[in-house]
Amino acid sequence: MNSAIKDAFTRIKEEMDGHRESINGNSHELNNMHDYLCEIDEKIEKLRCRIDEIQMALESNNIMQTRPKFNNREKDLLLLLYTNEEKHFKLGQLANRLSTTVSALRTYVKNIKEKGIPLVEEIHDDTTYLWLDPDFRERQAKFNILGLSEMAVTVN
């Protein structure tokens, strides 16, 4: 009986060894597929970035060909928002920095938005905050869409 049990265990061990080798082979194949998919993901991400750059360049060329005209106060506001390190201002702060009223500032903001420049306004605790859209800021930095370097700074 011991011999029969020993033979049965030997057969089971051999079967298990076969399964283990098969699993190891599959694991190796899965690891290779994972590595290959990671490489493809990296290439897709590079292509996406390149497409974004091309799209921004095309949009910038289109905007630059039809660059809107700004009055001096609108230019001052755009420069202040673009060069601001804090990324956002309270409307009252902006009005003080530009030596104007909040009402006049709202008019400048409305005019700038009507000219297609993406300004972001948010209200928190009855206080309005304003900043330049981050994606537009990045495109402006790369392509000088608005010609800000050509604008004269008259901000206090």
N, C-alpha and C. Protein backbone atom coordinates (compact mmCIF):
# COMPACT_ATOMS: atom_id res chain seq x y z
N MET A 1 0.81 -1.18 0.00
CA MET A 1 0.00 0.00 0.00
C MET A 1 0.86 1.26 0.00
N ASN A 2 1.95 1.22 0.74
CA ASN A 2 2.87 2.36 0.77
C ASN A 2 3.40 2.69 -0.61
N SER A 3 3.67 1.67 -1.37
CA SER A 3 4.19 1.86 -2.72
C SER A 3 3.13 2.51 -3.61
N ALA A 4 1.87 2.12 -3.46
CA ALA A 4 0.79 2.71 -4.26
C ALA A 4 0.61 4.19 -3.90
N ILE A 5 0.66 4.49 -2.64
CA ILE A 5 0.53 5.88 -2.18
C ILE A 5 1.71 6.69 -2.69
N LYS A 6 2.89 6.13 -2.59
CA LYS A 6 4.10 6.81 -3.06
C LYS A 6 4.01 7.09 -4.56
N ASP A 7 3.54 6.12 -5.32
CA ASP A 7 3.38 6.30 -6.77
C ASP A 7 2.33 7.40 -7.07
N ALA A 8 1.23 7.39 -6.31
CA ALA A 8 0.17 8.39 -6.50
C ALA A 8 0.73 9.80 -6.22
N PHE A 9 1.46 9.93 -5.14
CA PHE A 9 2.07 11.23 -4.81
C PHE A 9 3.09 11.66 -5.87
N THR A 10 3.83 10.70 -6.40
CA THR A 10 4.81 11.01 -7.45
C THR A 10 4.10 11.54 -8.68
N ARG A 11 3.00 10.85 -9.08
CA ARG A 11 2.23 11.32 -10.24
C ARG A 11 1.65 12.72 -9.98
N ILE A 12 1.12 12.93 -8.78
CA ILE A 12 0.55 14.25 -8.43
C ILE A 12 1.65 15.31 -8.48
N LYS A 13 2.84 14.96 -7.94
CA LYS A 13 3.96 15.90 -7.96
C LYS A 13 4.35 16.25 -9.39
N GLU A 14 4.39 15.23 -10.26
CA GLU A 14 4.74 15.47 -11.66
C GLU A 14 3.70 16.37 -12.33
N GLU A 15 2.42 16.12 -12.05
CA GLU A 15 1.35 16.96 -12.60
C GLU A 15 1.49 18.41 -12.10
N MET A 16 1.73 18.53 -10.81
CA MET A 16 1.89 19.87 -10.22
C MET A 16 3.10 20.58 -10.80
N ASP A 17 4.19 19.87 -11.01
CA ASP A 17 5.38 20.47 -11.63
C ASP A 17 5.05 20.98 -13.03
N GLY A 18 4.26 20.18 -13.77
CA GLY A 18 3.84 20.59 -15.11
C GLY A 18 2.99 21.86 -15.05
N HIS A 19 2.06 21.90 -14.10
CA HIS A 19 1.22 23.10 -13.93
C HIS A 19 2.07 24.31 -13.52
N ARG A 20 3.02 24.08 -12.60
CA ARG A 20 3.89 25.17 -12.14
C ARG A 20 4.69 25.73 -13.31
N GLU A 21 5.25 24.85 -14.14
CA GLU A 21 6.03 25.31 -15.30
C GLU A 21 5.15 26.09 -16.27
N SER A 22 3.93 25.62 -16.45
CA SER A 22 2.98 26.31 -17.33
C SER A 22 2.63 27.69 -16.77
N ILE A 23 2.39 27.74 -15.47
CA ILE A 23 2.07 29.03 -14.82
C ILE A 23 3.26 29.97 -14.93
N ASN A 24 4.46 29.48 -14.69
CA ASN A 24 5.66 30.32 -14.80
C ASN A 24 5.83 30.84 -16.22
N GLY A 25 5.57 29.97 -17.20
CA GLY A 25 5.65 30.40 -18.59
C GLY A 25 4.63 31.49 -18.89
N ASN A 26 3.41 31.32 -18.39
CA ASN A 26 2.37 32.33 -18.59
C ASN A 26 2.72 33.63 -17.88
N SER A 27 3.28 33.52 -16.69
CA SER A 27 3.68 34.72 -15.95
C SER A 27 4.74 35.50 -16.72
N HIS A 28 5.70 34.78 -17.26
CA HIS A 28 6.75 35.42 -18.05
C HIS A 28 6.15 36.11 -19.27
N GLU A 29 5.21 35.44 -19.93
CA GLU A 29 4.55 36.03 -21.10
C GLU A 29 3.74 37.26 -20.69
N LEU A 30 3.05 37.19 -19.56
CA LEU A 30 2.29 38.35 -19.07
C LEU A 30 3.21 39.52 -18.74
N ASN A 31 4.35 39.24 -18.13
CA ASN A 31 5.31 40.31 -17.83
C ASN A 31 5.81 40.97 -19.11
N ASN A 32 6.10 40.16 -20.12
CA ASN A 32 6.53 40.71 -21.41
C ASN A 32 5.44 41.59 -22.03
N MET A 33 4.20 41.12 -21.96
CA MET A 33 3.08 41.90 -22.50
C MET A 33 2.92 43.21 -21.72
N HIS A 34 3.07 43.15 -20.42
CA HIS A 34 2.96 44.36 -19.59
C HIS A 34 4.04 45.37 -19.98
N ASP A 35 5.26 44.90 -20.13
CA ASP A 35 6.37 45.78 -20.53
C ASP A 35 6.07 46.41 -21.90
N TYR A 36 5.57 45.60 -22.82
CA TYR A 36 5.25 46.09 -24.17
C TYR A 36 4.14 47.14 -24.10
N LEU A 37 3.11 46.90 -23.29
CA LEU A 37 2.03 47.87 -23.13
C LEU A 37 2.52 49.17 -22.50
N CYS A 38 3.44 49.07 -21.56
CA CYS A 38 4.03 50.28 -20.95
C CYS A 38 4.78 51.09 -22.00
N GLU A 39 5.52 50.41 -22.87
CA GLU A 39 6.22 51.11 -23.95
C GLU A 39 5.24 51.80 -24.88
N ILE A 40 4.16 51.11 -25.21
CA ILE A 40 3.14 51.71 -26.08
C ILE A 40 2.50 52.91 -25.40
N ASP A 41 2.21 52.80 -24.10
CA ASP A 41 1.64 53.94 -23.35
C ASP A 41 2.56 55.15 -23.39
N GLU A 42 3.86 54.93 -23.22
CA GLU A 42 4.82 56.02 -23.28
C GLU A 42 4.80 56.69 -24.65
N LYS A 43 4.76 55.88 -25.69
CA LYS A 43 4.74 56.43 -27.05
C LYS A 43 3.45 57.19 -27.31
N ILE A 44 2.33 56.67 -26.83
CA ILE A 44 1.05 57.37 -26.99
C ILE A 44 1.08 58.70 -26.25
N GLU A 45 1.65 58.73 -25.07
CA GLU A 45 1.74 59.97 -24.30
C GLU A 45 2.61 61.00 -25.02
N LYS A 46 3.72 60.56 -25.60
CA LYS A 46 4.57 61.46 -26.38
C LYS A 46 3.81 62.01 -27.58
N LEU A 47 3.07 61.14 -28.25
CA LEU A 47 2.27 61.59 -29.40
C LEU A 47 1.19 62.59 -28.97
N ARG A 48 0.54 62.32 -27.83
CA ARG A 48 -0.49 63.22 -27.32
C ARG A 48 0.10 64.60 -27.03
N CYS A 49 1.27 64.62 -26.41
CA CYS A 49 1.94 65.89 -26.12
C CYS A 49 2.29 66.63 -27.41
N ARG A 50 2.79 65.89 -28.37
CA ARG A 50 3.15 66.52 -29.65
C ARG A 50 1.91 67.05 -30.37
N ILE A 51 0.82 66.30 -30.35
CA ILE A 51 -0.43 66.76 -30.95
C ILE A 51 -0.92 68.02 -30.26
N ASP A 52 -0.83 68.05 -28.92
CA ASP A 52 -1.22 69.25 -28.16
C ASP A 52 -0.38 70.45 -28.58
N GLU A 53 0.93 70.25 -28.74
CA GLU A 53 1.80 71.35 -29.16
C GLU A 53 1.41 71.85 -30.54
N ILE A 54 1.15 70.93 -31.44
CA ILE A 54 0.76 71.32 -32.80
C ILE A 54 -0.57 72.05 -32.78
N GLN A 55 -1.51 71.53 -31.99
CA GLN A 55 -2.82 72.18 -31.90
C GLN A 55 -2.69 73.58 -31.31
N MET A 56 -1.88 73.74 -30.27
CA MET A 56 -1.68 75.07 -29.68
C MET A 56 -1.04 76.01 -30.69
N ALA A 57 -0.09 75.49 -31.44
CA ALA A 57 0.57 76.34 -32.44
C ALA A 57 -0.43 76.78 -33.50
N LEU A 58 -1.27 75.86 -33.95
CA LEU A 58 -2.28 76.22 -34.95
C LEU A 58 -3.28 77.22 -34.40
N GLU A 59 -3.73 77.00 -33.16
CA GLU A 59 -4.66 77.94 -32.54
C GLU A 59 -3.99 79.30 -32.35
N SER A 60 -2.75 79.28 -31.95
CA SER A 60 -2.03 80.52 -31.72
C SER A 60 -1.87 81.30 -33.02
N ASN A 61 -1.52 80.59 -34.09
CA ASN A 61 -1.39 81.25 -35.39
C ASN A 61 -2.71 81.87 -35.81
N ASN A 62 -3.81 81.16 -35.55
CA ASN A 62 -5.13 81.68 -35.90
C ASN A 62 -5.45 82.92 -35.07
N ILE A 63 -5.17 82.87 -33.76
CA ILE A 63 -5.44 84.02 -32.89
C ILE A 63 -4.52 85.18 -33.27
N MET A 64 -3.25 84.87 -33.55
CA MET A 64 -2.30 85.94 -33.85
C MET A 64 -2.68 86.66 -35.14
N GLN A 65 -3.27 85.94 -36.09
CA GLN A 65 -3.68 86.57 -37.33
C GLN A 65 -4.85 87.52 -37.09
N THR A 66 -5.66 87.21 -36.10
CA THR A 66 -6.81 88.05 -35.78
C THR A 66 -6.68 88.57 -34.35
N ARG A 67 -5.49 88.98 -33.97
CA ARG A 67 -5.22 89.44 -32.60
C ARG A 67 -6.16 90.59 -32.25
N PRO A 68 -6.91 90.44 -31.15
CA PRO A 68 -7.85 91.51 -30.79
C PRO A 68 -7.11 92.77 -30.34
N LYS A 69 -7.77 93.88 -30.47
CA LYS A 69 -7.23 95.17 -30.02
C LYS A 69 -7.73 95.44 -28.61
N PHE A 70 -6.84 95.90 -27.77
CA PHE A 70 -7.18 96.21 -26.39
C PHE A 70 -6.91 97.68 -26.12
N ASN A 71 -7.78 98.31 -25.29
CA ASN A 71 -7.46 99.66 -24.87
C ASN A 71 -6.39 99.58 -23.78
N ASN A 72 -5.85 100.71 -23.38
CA ASN A 72 -4.74 100.71 -22.42
C ASN A 72 -5.09 100.06 -21.10
N ARG A 73 -6.30 100.28 -20.60
CA ARG A 73 -6.69 99.71 -19.31
C ARG A 73 -6.82 98.18 -19.42
N GLU A 74 -7.35 97.70 -20.55
CA GLU A 74 -7.45 96.26 -20.76
C GLU A 74 -6.06 95.64 -20.87
N LYS A 75 -5.15 96.34 -21.52
CA LYS A 75 -3.77 95.86 -21.62
C LYS A 75 -3.15 95.77 -20.22
N ASP A 76 -3.37 96.81 -19.43
CA ASP A 76 -2.82 96.82 -18.07
C ASP A 76 -3.36 95.63 -17.27
N LEU A 77 -4.65 95.38 -17.39
CA LEU A 77 -5.27 94.27 -16.66
C LEU A 77 -4.68 92.94 -17.14
N LEU A 78 -4.58 92.75 -18.44
CA LEU A 78 -4.01 91.51 -18.98
C LEU A 78 -2.57 91.30 -18.51
N LEU A 79 -1.78 92.36 -18.56
CA LEU A 79 -0.39 92.25 -18.11
C LEU A 79 -0.31 91.88 -16.64
N LEU A 80 -1.15 92.52 -15.85
CA LEU A 80 -1.14 92.25 -14.41
C LEU A 80 -1.54 90.79 -14.14
N LEU A 81 -2.57 90.32 -14.81
CA LEU A 81 -3.01 88.93 -14.61
C LEU A 81 -1.97 87.94 -15.13
N TYR A 82 -1.34 88.27 -16.24
CA TYR A 82 -0.36 87.35 -16.83
C TYR A 82 0.92 87.28 -16.00
N THR A 83 1.36 88.40 -15.47
CA THR A 83 2.63 88.42 -14.74
C THR A 83 2.46 88.15 -13.25
N ASN A 84 1.24 87.95 -12.80
CA ASN A 84 0.96 87.73 -11.39
C ASN A 84 1.49 86.39 -10.92
N GLU A 85 2.29 86.39 -9.87
CA GLU A 85 2.84 85.16 -9.31
C GLU A 85 1.81 84.39 -8.48
N GLU A 86 0.85 85.13 -7.86
CA GLU A 86 -0.12 84.48 -6.98
C GLU A 86 -1.19 83.73 -7.77
N LYS A 87 -1.29 83.95 -9.04
CA LYS A 87 -2.21 83.30 -9.97
C LYS A 87 -3.63 83.84 -9.89
N HIS A 88 -4.07 84.47 -8.81
CA HIS A 88 -5.41 85.04 -8.78
C HIS A 88 -5.42 86.31 -7.93
N PHE A 89 -6.39 87.16 -8.22
CA PHE A 89 -6.55 88.42 -7.51
C PHE A 89 -7.99 88.55 -7.06
N LYS A 90 -8.19 89.26 -5.96
CA LYS A 90 -9.52 89.74 -5.61
C LYS A 90 -9.79 90.94 -6.50
N LEU A 91 -11.05 91.14 -6.89
CA LEU A 91 -11.37 92.27 -7.76
C LEU A 91 -10.95 93.60 -7.12
N GLY A 92 -11.15 93.73 -5.82
CA GLY A 92 -10.75 94.96 -5.13
C GLY A 92 -9.25 95.20 -5.22
N GLN A 93 -8.46 94.14 -5.08
CA GLN A 93 -7.00 94.26 -5.22
C GLN A 93 -6.64 94.75 -6.62
N LEU A 94 -7.27 94.14 -7.62
CA LEU A 94 -6.99 94.53 -9.00
C LEU A 94 -7.34 95.99 -9.23
N ALA A 95 -8.51 96.41 -8.74
CA ALA A 95 -8.95 97.80 -8.93
C ALA A 95 -7.92 98.74 -8.29
N ASN A 96 -7.46 98.42 -7.09
CA ASN A 96 -6.45 99.26 -6.42
C ASN A 96 -5.15 99.29 -7.22
N ARG A 97 -4.68 98.12 -7.66
CA ARG A 97 -3.43 98.06 -8.42
C ARG A 97 -3.50 98.84 -9.72
N LEU A 98 -4.70 98.87 -10.32
CA LEU A 98 -4.88 99.56 -11.59
C LEU A 98 -5.41 100.99 -11.42
N SER A 99 -5.57 101.41 -10.16
CA SER A 99 -6.08 102.75 -9.84
C SER A 99 -7.40 103.03 -10.56
N THR A 100 -8.33 102.11 -10.38
CA THR A 100 -9.65 102.25 -10.99
C THR A 100 -10.70 101.74 -10.03
N THR A 101 -11.95 101.78 -10.43
CA THR A 101 -13.04 101.28 -9.59
C THR A 101 -13.35 99.83 -9.95
N VAL A 102 -14.00 99.14 -9.03
CA VAL A 102 -14.40 97.76 -9.29
C VAL A 102 -15.39 97.72 -10.45
N SER A 103 -16.27 98.72 -10.53
CA SER A 103 -17.24 98.78 -11.62
C SER A 103 -16.53 98.90 -12.98
N ALA A 104 -15.55 99.78 -13.06
CA ALA A 104 -14.79 99.93 -14.31
C ALA A 104 -14.03 98.64 -14.62
N LEU A 105 -13.48 98.04 -13.58
CA LEU A 105 -12.74 96.79 -13.76
C LEU A 105 -13.64 95.70 -14.34
N ARG A 106 -14.86 95.61 -13.84
CA ARG A 106 -15.81 94.62 -14.38
C ARG A 106 -16.06 94.86 -15.87
N THR A 107 -16.09 96.12 -16.27
CA THR A 107 -16.26 96.44 -17.69
C THR A 107 -15.07 95.96 -18.50
N TYR A 108 -13.85 96.17 -17.99
CA TYR A 108 -12.65 95.70 -18.68
C TYR A 108 -12.67 94.18 -18.82
N VAL A 109 -13.07 93.51 -17.74
CA VAL A 109 -13.12 92.04 -17.74
C VAL A 109 -14.12 91.57 -18.80
N LYS A 110 -15.29 92.19 -18.82
CA LYS A 110 -16.32 91.83 -19.80
C LYS A 110 -15.80 92.02 -21.22
N ASN A 111 -15.15 93.16 -21.47
CA ASN A 111 -14.61 93.44 -22.81
C ASN A 111 -13.55 92.42 -23.22
N ILE A 112 -12.67 92.08 -22.28
CA ILE A 112 -11.61 91.11 -22.57
C ILE A 112 -12.20 89.74 -22.88
N LYS A 113 -13.19 89.33 -22.10
CA LYS A 113 -13.85 88.04 -22.35
C LYS A 113 -14.54 88.04 -23.71
N GLU A 114 -15.16 89.15 -24.05
CA GLU A 114 -15.84 89.25 -25.35
C GLU A 114 -14.85 89.15 -26.51
N LYS A 115 -13.61 89.47 -26.26
CA LYS A 115 -12.58 89.38 -27.30
C LYS A 115 -11.96 87.98 -27.34
N GLY A 116 -12.51 87.06 -26.55
CA GLY A 116 -12.10 85.67 -26.63
C GLY A 116 -10.99 85.25 -25.70
N ILE A 117 -10.61 86.11 -24.76
CA ILE A 117 -9.54 85.76 -23.83
C ILE A 117 -10.17 85.10 -22.61
N PRO A 118 -9.73 83.88 -22.27
CA PRO A 118 -10.36 83.14 -21.17
C PRO A 118 -9.91 83.60 -19.79
N LEU A 119 -10.68 84.49 -19.20
CA LEU A 119 -10.46 84.90 -17.81
C LEU A 119 -11.38 84.05 -16.94
N VAL A 120 -10.90 83.66 -15.78
CA VAL A 120 -11.68 82.83 -14.87
C VAL A 120 -12.09 83.68 -13.68
N GLU A 121 -13.38 83.64 -13.38
CA GLU A 121 -13.92 84.35 -12.21
C GLU A 121 -14.57 83.33 -11.30
N GLU A 122 -14.27 83.44 -10.01
CA GLU A 122 -14.94 82.61 -9.01
C GLU A 122 -15.29 83.46 -7.82
N ILE A 123 -16.41 83.13 -7.20
CA ILE A 123 -16.85 83.86 -6.01
C ILE A 123 -16.78 82.92 -4.82
N HIS A 124 -16.06 83.37 -3.77
CA HIS A 124 -15.95 82.64 -2.52
C HIS A 124 -16.23 83.62 -1.39
N ASP A 125 -17.18 83.30 -0.54
CA ASP A 125 -17.51 84.15 0.60
C ASP A 125 -17.74 85.60 0.17
N ASP A 126 -18.56 85.79 -0.84
CA ASP A 126 -18.92 87.12 -1.36
C ASP A 126 -17.72 87.91 -1.91
N THR A 127 -16.63 87.23 -2.18
CA THR A 127 -15.46 87.89 -2.77
C THR A 127 -15.22 87.27 -4.14
N THR A 128 -15.07 88.13 -5.15
CA THR A 128 -14.82 87.66 -6.51
C THR A 128 -13.32 87.61 -6.76
N TYR A 129 -12.86 86.47 -7.27
CA TYR A 129 -11.46 86.27 -7.62
C TYR A 129 -11.36 86.16 -9.14
N LEU A 130 -10.26 86.65 -9.68
CA LEU A 130 -10.07 86.67 -11.13
C LEU A 130 -8.65 86.22 -11.46
N TRP A 131 -8.52 85.40 -12.52
CA TRP A 131 -7.21 85.00 -13.00
C TRP A 131 -7.30 84.59 -14.46
N LEU A 132 -6.16 84.49 -15.07
CA LEU A 132 -6.06 84.05 -16.46
C LEU A 132 -6.12 82.53 -16.49
N ASP A 133 -6.90 81.97 -17.41
CA ASP A 133 -7.01 80.52 -17.55
C ASP A 133 -5.61 79.91 -17.66
N PRO A 134 -5.29 78.89 -16.84
CA PRO A 134 -3.94 78.31 -16.83
C PRO A 134 -3.48 77.76 -18.19
N ASP A 135 -4.37 77.12 -18.94
CA ASP A 135 -3.98 76.60 -20.26
C ASP A 135 -3.65 77.75 -21.20
N PHE A 136 -4.45 78.80 -21.13
CA PHE A 136 -4.18 79.96 -21.99
C PHE A 136 -2.88 80.64 -21.57
N ARG A 137 -2.63 80.70 -20.26
CA ARG A 137 -1.38 81.29 -19.75
C ARG A 137 -0.17 80.54 -20.33
N GLU A 138 -0.28 79.22 -20.35
CA GLU A 138 0.81 78.39 -20.89
C GLU A 138 1.00 78.66 -22.39
N ARG A 139 -0.10 78.71 -23.13
CA ARG A 139 0.00 79.00 -24.57
C ARG A 139 0.57 80.40 -24.79
N GLN A 140 0.14 81.36 -23.95
CA GLN A 140 0.66 82.72 -24.06
C GLN A 140 2.17 82.74 -23.83
N ALA A 141 2.62 81.97 -22.84
CA ALA A 141 4.04 81.92 -22.53
C ALA A 141 4.84 81.33 -23.71
N LYS A 142 4.27 80.33 -24.37
CA LYS A 142 4.98 79.68 -25.47
C LYS A 142 4.93 80.48 -26.76
N PHE A 143 3.76 81.09 -27.04
CA PHE A 143 3.55 81.65 -28.37
C PHE A 143 3.27 83.15 -28.39
N ASN A 144 3.22 83.82 -27.23
CA ASN A 144 2.93 85.25 -27.14
C ASN A 144 1.71 85.61 -28.00
N ILE A 145 0.64 84.90 -27.76
CA ILE A 145 -0.59 85.05 -28.54
C ILE A 145 -1.09 86.49 -28.54
N LEU A 146 -1.04 87.14 -27.40
CA LEU A 146 -1.59 88.49 -27.27
C LEU A 146 -0.60 89.58 -27.58
N GLY A 147 0.64 89.21 -27.84
CA GLY A 147 1.65 90.23 -28.08
C GLY A 147 1.93 91.04 -26.82
N LEU A 148 1.89 90.39 -25.66
CA LEU A 148 2.08 91.13 -24.41
C LEU A 148 3.44 91.78 -24.33
N SER A 149 4.43 91.20 -24.95
CA SER A 149 5.76 91.82 -24.89
C SER A 149 5.78 93.17 -25.64
N GLU A 150 4.79 93.34 -26.53
CA GLU A 150 4.72 94.59 -27.28
C GLU A 150 3.91 95.65 -26.54
N MET A 151 3.19 95.24 -25.49
CA MET A 151 2.33 96.18 -24.76
C MET A 151 3.16 96.98 -23.77
N ALA A 152 2.85 98.25 -23.64
CA ALA A 152 3.54 99.10 -22.68
C ALA A 152 2.93 98.89 -21.29
N VAL A 153 3.79 98.79 -20.30
CA VAL A 153 3.31 98.59 -18.94
C VAL A 153 3.06 99.95 -18.28
N THR A 154 1.81 100.15 -17.85
CA THR A 154 1.48 101.40 -17.14
C THR A 154 0.89 101.09 -15.78
N VAL A 155 1.06 99.84 -15.31
CA VAL A 155 0.51 99.43 -14.04
C VAL A 155 1.35 100.00 -12.91
N ASN A 156 0.67 100.50 -11.85
CA ASN A 156 1.39 101.05 -10.69
C ASN A 156 2.03 99.94 -9.89
